[in-house]
N, C-alpha and C. Protein backbone atom coordinates (compact mmCIF):
# COMPACT_ATOMS: atom_id res chain seq x y z
N MET A 1 113.98 142.65 141.15
CA MET A 1 114.17 141.74 142.27
C MET A 1 112.82 141.37 142.88
N LYS A 2 112.66 140.09 143.16
CA LYS A 2 111.39 139.63 143.73
C LYS A 2 111.22 140.10 145.16
N ASN A 3 109.97 140.18 145.55
CA ASN A 3 109.65 140.48 146.94
C ASN A 3 110.23 139.36 147.80
N LEU A 4 110.81 139.70 148.94
CA LEU A 4 111.42 138.70 149.82
C LEU A 4 110.46 137.58 150.20
N LYS A 5 109.19 137.92 150.37
CA LYS A 5 108.22 136.91 150.78
C LYS A 5 107.98 135.88 149.68
N GLU A 6 108.36 136.19 148.46
CA GLU A 6 108.14 135.26 147.36
C GLU A 6 109.31 134.30 147.16
N LEU A 7 110.46 134.59 147.77
CA LEU A 7 111.62 133.73 147.62
C LEU A 7 111.36 132.39 148.29
N LYS A 8 111.64 131.32 147.58
CA LYS A 8 111.34 129.98 148.08
C LYS A 8 112.27 129.60 149.24
N GLY A 9 111.69 129.09 150.28
CA GLY A 9 112.46 128.59 151.41
C GLY A 9 113.00 129.65 152.35
N VAL A 10 112.63 130.90 152.14
CA VAL A 10 113.12 131.96 153.02
C VAL A 10 111.97 132.43 153.91
N LYS A 11 112.21 132.40 155.20
CA LYS A 11 111.19 132.86 156.13
C LYS A 11 111.37 134.36 156.35
N VAL A 12 110.33 135.12 156.08
CA VAL A 12 110.38 136.56 156.32
C VAL A 12 109.48 136.85 157.51
N LEU A 13 110.09 137.28 158.60
CA LEU A 13 109.35 137.52 159.82
C LEU A 13 109.31 139.01 160.13
N ASN A 14 108.15 139.47 160.55
CA ASN A 14 108.10 140.87 160.99
C ASN A 14 108.63 140.94 162.42
N LYS A 15 108.82 142.15 162.92
CA LYS A 15 109.45 142.31 164.24
C LYS A 15 108.64 141.66 165.35
N LYS A 16 107.32 141.71 165.24
CA LYS A 16 106.48 141.10 166.28
C LYS A 16 106.69 139.59 166.30
N GLU A 17 106.76 138.97 165.12
CA GLU A 17 106.99 137.52 165.05
C GLU A 17 108.37 137.16 165.58
N GLN A 18 109.38 137.97 165.24
CA GLN A 18 110.73 137.69 165.71
C GLN A 18 110.79 137.67 167.23
N LYS A 19 110.11 138.62 167.87
CA LYS A 19 110.15 138.70 169.33
C LYS A 19 109.39 137.56 169.98
N SER A 20 108.39 137.02 169.29
CA SER A 20 107.54 136.00 169.91
C SER A 20 108.14 134.60 169.83
N ILE A 21 109.12 134.38 168.98
CA ILE A 21 109.69 133.04 168.82
C ILE A 21 110.61 132.71 169.99
N LEU A 22 110.11 131.95 170.94
CA LEU A 22 110.88 131.48 172.07
C LEU A 22 111.66 132.58 172.77
N GLY A 23 111.26 133.83 172.58
CA GLY A 23 111.95 134.94 173.21
C GLY A 23 113.34 135.17 172.68
N GLY A 24 113.68 134.53 171.55
CA GLY A 24 115.03 134.65 171.01
C GLY A 24 115.09 135.59 169.83
N LEU A 25 116.28 135.77 169.30
CA LEU A 25 116.48 136.63 168.14
C LEU A 25 116.51 135.78 166.88
N ALA A 26 115.77 136.22 165.87
CA ALA A 26 115.79 135.51 164.60
C ALA A 26 117.05 135.91 163.84
N CYS A 27 117.61 134.96 163.08
CA CYS A 27 118.80 135.25 162.30
C CYS A 27 118.64 134.65 160.91
N VAL A 28 119.55 134.99 160.03
CA VAL A 28 119.48 134.55 158.65
C VAL A 28 120.05 133.15 158.53
N THR A 29 119.29 132.22 157.93
CA THR A 29 119.77 130.85 157.80
C THR A 29 119.90 130.42 156.35
N ASN A 30 119.66 131.35 155.42
CA ASN A 30 119.67 130.96 154.00
C ASN A 30 120.99 131.31 153.32
N GLY A 31 122.08 131.34 154.10
CA GLY A 31 123.38 131.63 153.51
C GLY A 31 123.79 133.08 153.64
N GLY A 32 122.88 133.91 154.15
CA GLY A 32 123.22 135.31 154.36
C GLY A 32 124.03 135.48 155.63
N ASP A 33 124.41 136.69 155.93
CA ASP A 33 125.16 136.95 157.15
C ASP A 33 124.23 136.88 158.35
N PRO A 34 124.54 136.02 159.33
CA PRO A 34 123.71 135.95 160.51
C PRO A 34 123.81 137.24 161.31
N GLU A 35 122.69 137.72 161.81
CA GLU A 35 122.69 138.96 162.59
C GLU A 35 122.48 138.60 164.05
N CYS A 36 123.52 138.05 164.66
CA CYS A 36 123.44 137.68 166.07
C CYS A 36 124.42 138.53 166.87
N PRO A 37 124.04 138.91 168.10
CA PRO A 37 124.94 139.70 168.93
C PRO A 37 126.20 138.92 169.31
N GLY A 38 127.19 139.63 169.78
CA GLY A 38 128.44 138.98 170.18
C GLY A 38 128.21 137.92 171.25
N GLY A 39 128.95 136.82 171.15
CA GLY A 39 128.80 135.74 172.11
C GLY A 39 127.69 134.78 171.77
N THR A 40 127.04 135.01 170.61
CA THR A 40 125.99 134.10 170.17
C THR A 40 126.26 133.67 168.74
N PHE A 41 125.56 132.62 168.31
CA PHE A 41 125.71 132.15 166.94
C PHE A 41 124.35 131.82 166.36
N CYS A 42 124.29 131.67 165.06
CA CYS A 42 123.03 131.39 164.36
C CYS A 42 122.88 129.89 164.15
N CYS A 43 121.80 129.30 164.66
CA CYS A 43 121.55 127.87 164.46
C CYS A 43 121.02 127.62 163.06
N HIS A 44 121.56 126.60 162.40
CA HIS A 44 121.11 126.25 161.06
C HIS A 44 120.33 124.94 161.04
N GLU A 45 120.11 124.36 162.23
CA GLU A 45 119.37 123.09 162.30
C GLU A 45 118.81 122.93 163.71
N GLY A 46 117.98 121.92 163.88
CA GLY A 46 117.45 121.60 165.20
C GLY A 46 116.26 122.46 165.59
N ASN A 47 115.91 122.36 166.89
CA ASN A 47 114.75 123.08 167.41
C ASN A 47 114.93 124.59 167.34
N TRP A 48 116.16 125.03 167.34
CA TRP A 48 116.47 126.46 167.37
C TRP A 48 116.86 126.98 165.99
N GLU A 49 116.54 126.25 164.92
CA GLU A 49 116.90 126.68 163.58
C GLU A 49 116.40 128.10 163.31
N GLY A 50 117.29 128.93 162.80
CA GLY A 50 116.92 130.30 162.49
C GLY A 50 116.96 131.24 163.69
N MET A 51 117.50 130.74 164.81
CA MET A 51 117.54 131.56 166.02
C MET A 51 118.98 131.73 166.50
N CYS A 52 119.22 132.83 167.22
CA CYS A 52 120.53 133.06 167.85
C CYS A 52 120.57 132.31 169.18
N ARG A 53 121.69 131.63 169.42
CA ARG A 53 121.89 130.92 170.68
C ARG A 53 123.25 131.30 171.26
N GLU A 54 123.40 131.18 172.57
CA GLU A 54 124.69 131.47 173.19
C GLU A 54 125.72 130.47 172.73
N GLU A 55 126.95 130.95 172.52
CA GLU A 55 128.02 130.04 172.11
C GLU A 55 128.20 128.97 173.17
N GLY A 56 128.41 127.74 172.72
CA GLY A 56 128.58 126.62 173.65
C GLY A 56 127.28 125.90 173.96
N THR A 57 126.14 126.44 173.51
CA THR A 57 124.87 125.76 173.73
C THR A 57 124.49 125.00 172.47
N SER A 58 123.52 124.12 172.60
CA SER A 58 123.09 123.28 171.48
C SER A 58 121.91 123.90 170.75
N CYS A 59 121.80 123.58 169.46
CA CYS A 59 120.64 124.02 168.68
C CYS A 59 119.47 123.06 168.88
N TYR A 60 119.70 122.01 169.68
CA TYR A 60 118.65 121.04 169.99
C TYR A 60 118.29 121.16 171.46
N ARG A 61 117.05 120.87 171.81
CA ARG A 61 116.65 120.96 173.22
C ARG A 61 117.19 119.79 174.01
């Protein structure tokens, strides 16, 4: 199996990078299971792509 960082189109973020992105939680956007807490969802597009957002909010600013 290839190193995750070598997979095309997949962003691999370390914990420091995850915390620094708009103060939000990073989630899986490449078809994997999103790892977002309850009451939130994983954005697959827009300004918040790859981030967890509260349900009912937009992935666009």
